[in-house]
Amino acid sequence: MTFQRARTEEQRAIRRRAILDTASAMLDEMPVAAVTLNELSRRVGLAKPNVLRYFESREAVLLELLDRFLREWLADLADELAAGVDEERPMDERAPAVAEILSRSLSGRGVLCDLFGAQGGVLEHNVSVEVVARYKRASLERLTTMTTLLRTYLPELGENATMFSLQTMVLAGALSAYSTPPPSLRAAYEAEPDLARFHLGLEESLKLSLNATLLGVLPRP
């Protein structure tokens, strides 16, 4: 696509959405680490300096996408929990149901998990104080949304609901790196099957981790 110079706020908003939508499409094809500003500029039809007029860096683009995907996931998660957890059941039945839904829901969103994994070590670098503070303020809103949602089905979590929500996202990011090995590592696993124990299935490993976490933070009967 090609653009004329944006002269109004509406035109600038359209330009920003086009950049974000193009980056989103790239993430359907490649991992976060492979997304470059040069390729993004080429695909969106803008010179690199023009892209930088709307986003100060590649990381700023990806942080905004992370917030978009997180909002979408939380909206879907509300429906998934409502359909899969009976609030009237005992805690020892609700807790594994919540862990299973969280693990299944997140494992179906590989891009979101990849972004979670890159957030602390990559995406929150090479951005200004203004950008990272704006992102963190939005993240607080998402964390509050998730905490409130989980307390609906596991009120026994109490104050631990916030930490459990945060740990869920951190675990999803960390475990996703082990579930999608690069081609060289995949070849090593095929050549030496014993090494494949390091290749973790995201849904099962996440469910195990979330169940273990819940056992640690929920009150004992």
Protein backbone atom coordinates (compact mmCIF):
# COMPACT_ATOMS: atom_id res chain seq x y z
CA MET A 1 0.00 0.00 0.00
CA THR A 2 1.07 3.62 -0.48
CA PHE A 3 0.07 6.71 1.46
CA GLN A 4 -0.02 10.43 0.96
CA ARG A 5 1.17 12.55 3.84
CA ALA A 6 -1.19 12.46 6.81
CA ARG A 7 -2.44 15.96 7.56
CA THR A 8 -5.25 15.43 10.06
CA GLU A 9 -5.61 13.50 13.32
CA GLU A 10 -7.98 11.10 11.57
CA GLN A 11 -5.43 10.43 8.83
CA ARG A 12 -2.70 9.89 11.42
CA ALA A 13 -4.93 7.46 13.29
CA ILE A 14 -5.54 5.55 10.05
CA ARG A 15 -1.79 5.42 9.45
CA ARG A 16 -1.14 4.07 12.94
CA ARG A 17 -3.80 1.38 12.52
CA ALA A 18 -2.28 0.37 9.18
CA ILE A 19 1.15 -0.03 10.80
CA LEU A 20 -0.31 -2.07 13.67
CA ASP A 21 -2.39 -4.26 11.34
CA THR A 22 0.64 -4.92 9.15
CA ALA A 23 2.77 -5.86 12.16
CA SER A 24 -0.04 -8.14 13.35
CA ALA A 25 -0.09 -9.90 9.97
CA MET A 26 3.69 -10.35 10.15
CA LEU A 27 3.33 -12.06 13.55
CA ASP A 28 1.05 -14.62 11.92
CA GLU A 29 4.02 -15.56 9.73
CA MET A 30 7.05 -15.21 11.99
CA PRO A 31 8.08 -15.03 15.66
CA VAL A 32 8.43 -11.72 17.47
CA ALA A 33 12.23 -11.86 17.18
CA ALA A 34 12.03 -11.94 13.37
CA VAL A 35 9.90 -8.80 13.02
CA THR A 36 12.11 -5.93 11.86
CA LEU A 37 11.37 -2.28 11.34
CA ASN A 38 12.78 -2.44 7.81
CA GLU A 39 10.41 -5.22 6.77
CA LEU A 40 7.48 -3.57 8.52
CA SER A 41 8.22 -0.33 6.65
CA ARG A 42 8.41 -2.16 3.33
CA ARG A 43 5.13 -3.98 3.87
CA VAL A 44 3.21 -0.95 5.07
CA GLY A 45 4.48 1.14 2.14
CA LEU A 46 6.26 3.82 4.15
CA ALA A 47 9.88 4.81 4.46
CA LYS A 48 11.38 3.78 7.80
CA PRO A 49 11.70 7.42 9.02
CA ASN A 50 7.99 7.88 8.30
CA VAL A 51 7.05 4.82 10.36
CA LEU A 52 9.09 6.31 13.19
CA ARG A 53 6.86 9.39 13.11
CA TYR A 54 4.03 7.22 14.44
CA PHE A 55 5.95 4.76 16.63
CA GLU A 56 9.32 5.56 18.08
CA SER A 57 10.67 2.01 17.62
CA ARG A 58 9.82 -1.56 16.64
CA GLU A 59 9.32 -2.30 20.33
CA ALA A 60 6.76 0.49 20.67
CA VAL A 61 4.72 -1.09 17.84
CA LEU A 62 4.85 -4.52 19.46
CA LEU A 63 3.94 -3.22 22.92
CA GLU A 64 0.82 -1.63 21.50
CA LEU A 65 -0.03 -4.88 19.73
CA LEU A 66 0.51 -6.80 22.96
CA ASP A 67 -2.04 -4.60 24.69
CA ARG A 68 -4.50 -5.10 21.81
CA PHE A 69 -4.15 -8.88 21.89
CA LEU A 70 -4.39 -8.94 25.69
CA ARG A 71 -7.66 -6.99 25.63
CA GLU A 72 -9.08 -9.35 23.02
CA TRP A 73 -8.01 -12.41 24.99
CA LEU A 74 -9.56 -11.18 28.23
CA ALA A 75 -12.86 -10.55 26.46
CA ASP A 76 -12.83 -14.12 25.12
CA LEU A 77 -11.67 -15.51 28.46
CA ALA A 78 -14.73 -14.09 30.20
CA ASP A 79 -16.97 -16.13 27.91
CA GLU A 80 -14.81 -19.25 28.21
CA LEU A 81 -14.86 -19.19 32.01
CA ALA A 82 -18.59 -18.53 32.09
CA ALA A 83 -19.18 -21.56 29.88
CA GLY A 84 -16.72 -23.89 31.61
CA VAL A 85 -16.82 -23.20 35.36
CA ASP A 86 -19.80 -23.78 37.63
CA GLU A 87 -19.57 -21.24 40.44
CA GLU A 88 -21.64 -23.51 42.66
CA ARG A 89 -19.15 -26.38 42.59
CA PRO A 90 -16.60 -26.93 45.40
CA MET A 91 -13.28 -25.15 45.21
CA ASP A 92 -11.36 -28.36 44.46
CA GLU A 93 -13.42 -28.73 41.27
CA ARG A 94 -13.42 -25.08 40.23
CA ALA A 95 -9.65 -24.62 40.57
CA PRO A 96 -8.58 -27.31 38.06
CA ALA A 97 -11.36 -26.17 35.72
CA VAL A 98 -9.97 -22.62 35.78
CA ALA A 99 -6.41 -23.88 35.21
CA GLU A 100 -7.55 -26.01 32.27
CA ILE A 101 -9.46 -23.16 30.63
CA LEU A 102 -6.57 -20.73 31.08
CA SER A 103 -4.04 -23.18 29.62
CA ARG A 104 -6.25 -24.12 26.68
CA SER A 105 -7.17 -20.52 25.95
CA LEU A 106 -3.59 -19.25 26.05
CA SER A 107 -2.12 -22.17 24.11
CA GLY A 108 -4.47 -21.25 21.27
CA ARG A 109 -2.97 -17.76 21.16
CA GLY A 110 0.65 -18.39 20.29
CA VAL A 111 1.35 -14.82 19.21
CA LEU A 112 0.14 -13.42 22.53
CA CYS A 113 2.32 -15.91 24.43
CA ASP A 114 5.32 -15.05 22.25
CA LEU A 115 4.78 -11.36 23.05
CA PHE A 116 4.48 -12.15 26.77
CA GLY A 117 7.82 -13.94 26.53
CA ALA A 118 9.52 -11.00 24.83
CA GLN A 119 7.98 -8.30 27.01
CA GLY A 120 10.41 -7.95 29.92
CA GLY A 121 13.65 -8.78 28.14
CA VAL A 122 13.06 -7.11 24.77
CA LEU A 123 9.91 -5.07 24.25
CA GLU A 124 10.27 -2.83 27.29
CA HIS A 125 13.73 -1.82 26.07
CA ASN A 126 14.42 0.75 23.35
CA VAL A 127 11.33 2.74 24.30
CA SER A 128 11.00 6.08 26.03
CA VAL A 129 9.76 6.61 29.57
CA GLU A 130 6.54 8.03 28.14
CA VAL A 131 5.84 4.98 25.98
CA VAL A 132 6.66 2.36 28.59
CA ALA A 133 4.73 4.22 31.30
CA ARG A 134 1.68 4.45 29.03
CA TYR A 135 1.93 0.73 28.32
CA LYS A 136 2.29 -0.13 32.02
CA ARG A 137 -0.77 1.97 32.89
CA ALA A 138 -2.76 0.02 30.33
CA SER A 139 -1.30 -3.22 31.70
CA LEU A 140 -2.57 -2.33 35.16
CA GLU A 141 -6.08 -2.03 33.74
CA ARG A 142 -5.78 -5.43 32.05
CA LEU A 143 -4.41 -6.98 35.24
CA THR A 144 -7.34 -5.57 37.19
CA THR A 145 -9.76 -7.00 34.62
CA MET A 146 -8.19 -10.45 34.84
CA THR A 147 -8.03 -10.35 38.64
CA THR A 148 -11.72 -9.45 38.89
CA LEU A 149 -12.60 -12.18 36.43
CA LEU A 150 -10.70 -14.87 38.31
CA ARG A 151 -12.15 -13.82 41.64
CA THR A 152 -15.61 -14.41 40.19
CA TYR A 153 -14.85 -18.12 39.85
CA LEU A 154 -12.24 -18.51 42.59
CA PRO A 155 -13.09 -15.95 45.30
CA GLU A 156 -10.92 -18.02 47.63
CA LEU A 157 -7.87 -16.53 45.90
CA GLY A 158 -8.46 -13.24 47.70
CA GLU A 159 -5.49 -10.90 47.41
CA ASN A 160 -3.50 -13.66 45.69
CA ALA A 161 -5.69 -13.28 42.58
CA THR A 162 -3.55 -10.40 41.32
CA MET A 163 -0.28 -12.30 41.68
CA PHE A 164 -1.80 -15.42 40.15
CA SER A 165 -3.02 -13.38 37.15
CA LEU A 166 0.44 -11.91 36.64
CA GLN A 167 2.15 -15.29 37.04
CA THR A 168 -0.22 -16.82 34.48
CA MET A 169 0.96 -14.35 31.85
CA VAL A 170 4.62 -14.76 32.81
CA LEU A 171 4.37 -18.57 32.68
CA ALA A 172 2.65 -18.45 29.29
CA GLY A 173 5.50 -16.36 27.92
CA ALA A 174 8.26 -18.46 29.44
CA LEU A 175 6.80 -21.83 28.44
CA SER A 176 5.96 -20.74 24.91
CA ALA A 177 9.68 -20.49 24.15
CA TYR A 178 10.08 -24.19 24.92
CA SER A 179 7.04 -25.21 22.87
CA THR A 180 8.22 -23.67 19.58
CA PRO A 181 11.88 -24.67 19.09
CA PRO A 182 13.79 -23.20 16.13
CA PRO A 183 14.53 -25.47 13.14
CA SER A 184 18.05 -26.38 14.32
CA LEU A 185 16.80 -27.47 17.73
CA ARG A 186 13.90 -29.37 16.19
CA ALA A 187 16.39 -31.23 14.02
CA ALA A 188 18.45 -32.06 17.12
CA TYR A 189 15.37 -33.45 18.83
CA GLU A 190 14.64 -35.64 15.82
CA ALA A 191 18.22 -36.88 15.67
CA GLU A 192 18.41 -37.56 19.42
CA PRO A 193 14.92 -38.29 20.81
CA ASP A 194 16.19 -38.22 24.41
CA LEU A 195 16.75 -34.49 24.01
CA ALA A 196 13.08 -33.95 23.18
CA ARG A 197 12.16 -33.94 26.86
CA PHE A 198 13.09 -30.24 26.68
CA HIS A 199 10.37 -29.74 24.07
CA LEU A 200 7.33 -28.85 26.16
CA GLY A 201 3.78 -28.85 24.88
CA LEU A 202 2.43 -25.44 25.83
CA GLU A 203 -1.08 -26.44 26.91
CA GLU A 204 -0.09 -29.40 29.08
CA SER A 205 2.94 -27.74 30.68
CA LEU A 206 0.97 -24.57 31.35
CA LYS A 207 -1.90 -26.52 32.91
CA LEU A 208 0.53 -28.37 35.18
CA SER A 209 2.20 -25.12 36.24
CA LEU A 210 -1.07 -23.30 36.87
CA ASN A 211 -2.48 -26.17 38.89
CA ALA A 212 0.69 -26.23 41.00
CA THR A 213 0.50 -22.46 41.50
CA LEU A 214 -3.12 -22.65 42.56
CA LEU A 215 -2.28 -25.37 45.06
CA GLY A 216 0.22 -22.98 46.60
CA VAL A 217 -2.02 -19.91 46.85
CA LEU A 218 -5.48 -21.33 47.56
CA PRO A 219 -6.43 -21.98 51.19
CA ARG A 220 -6.27 -25.57 52.38
CA PRO A 221 -9.61 -27.27 53.13
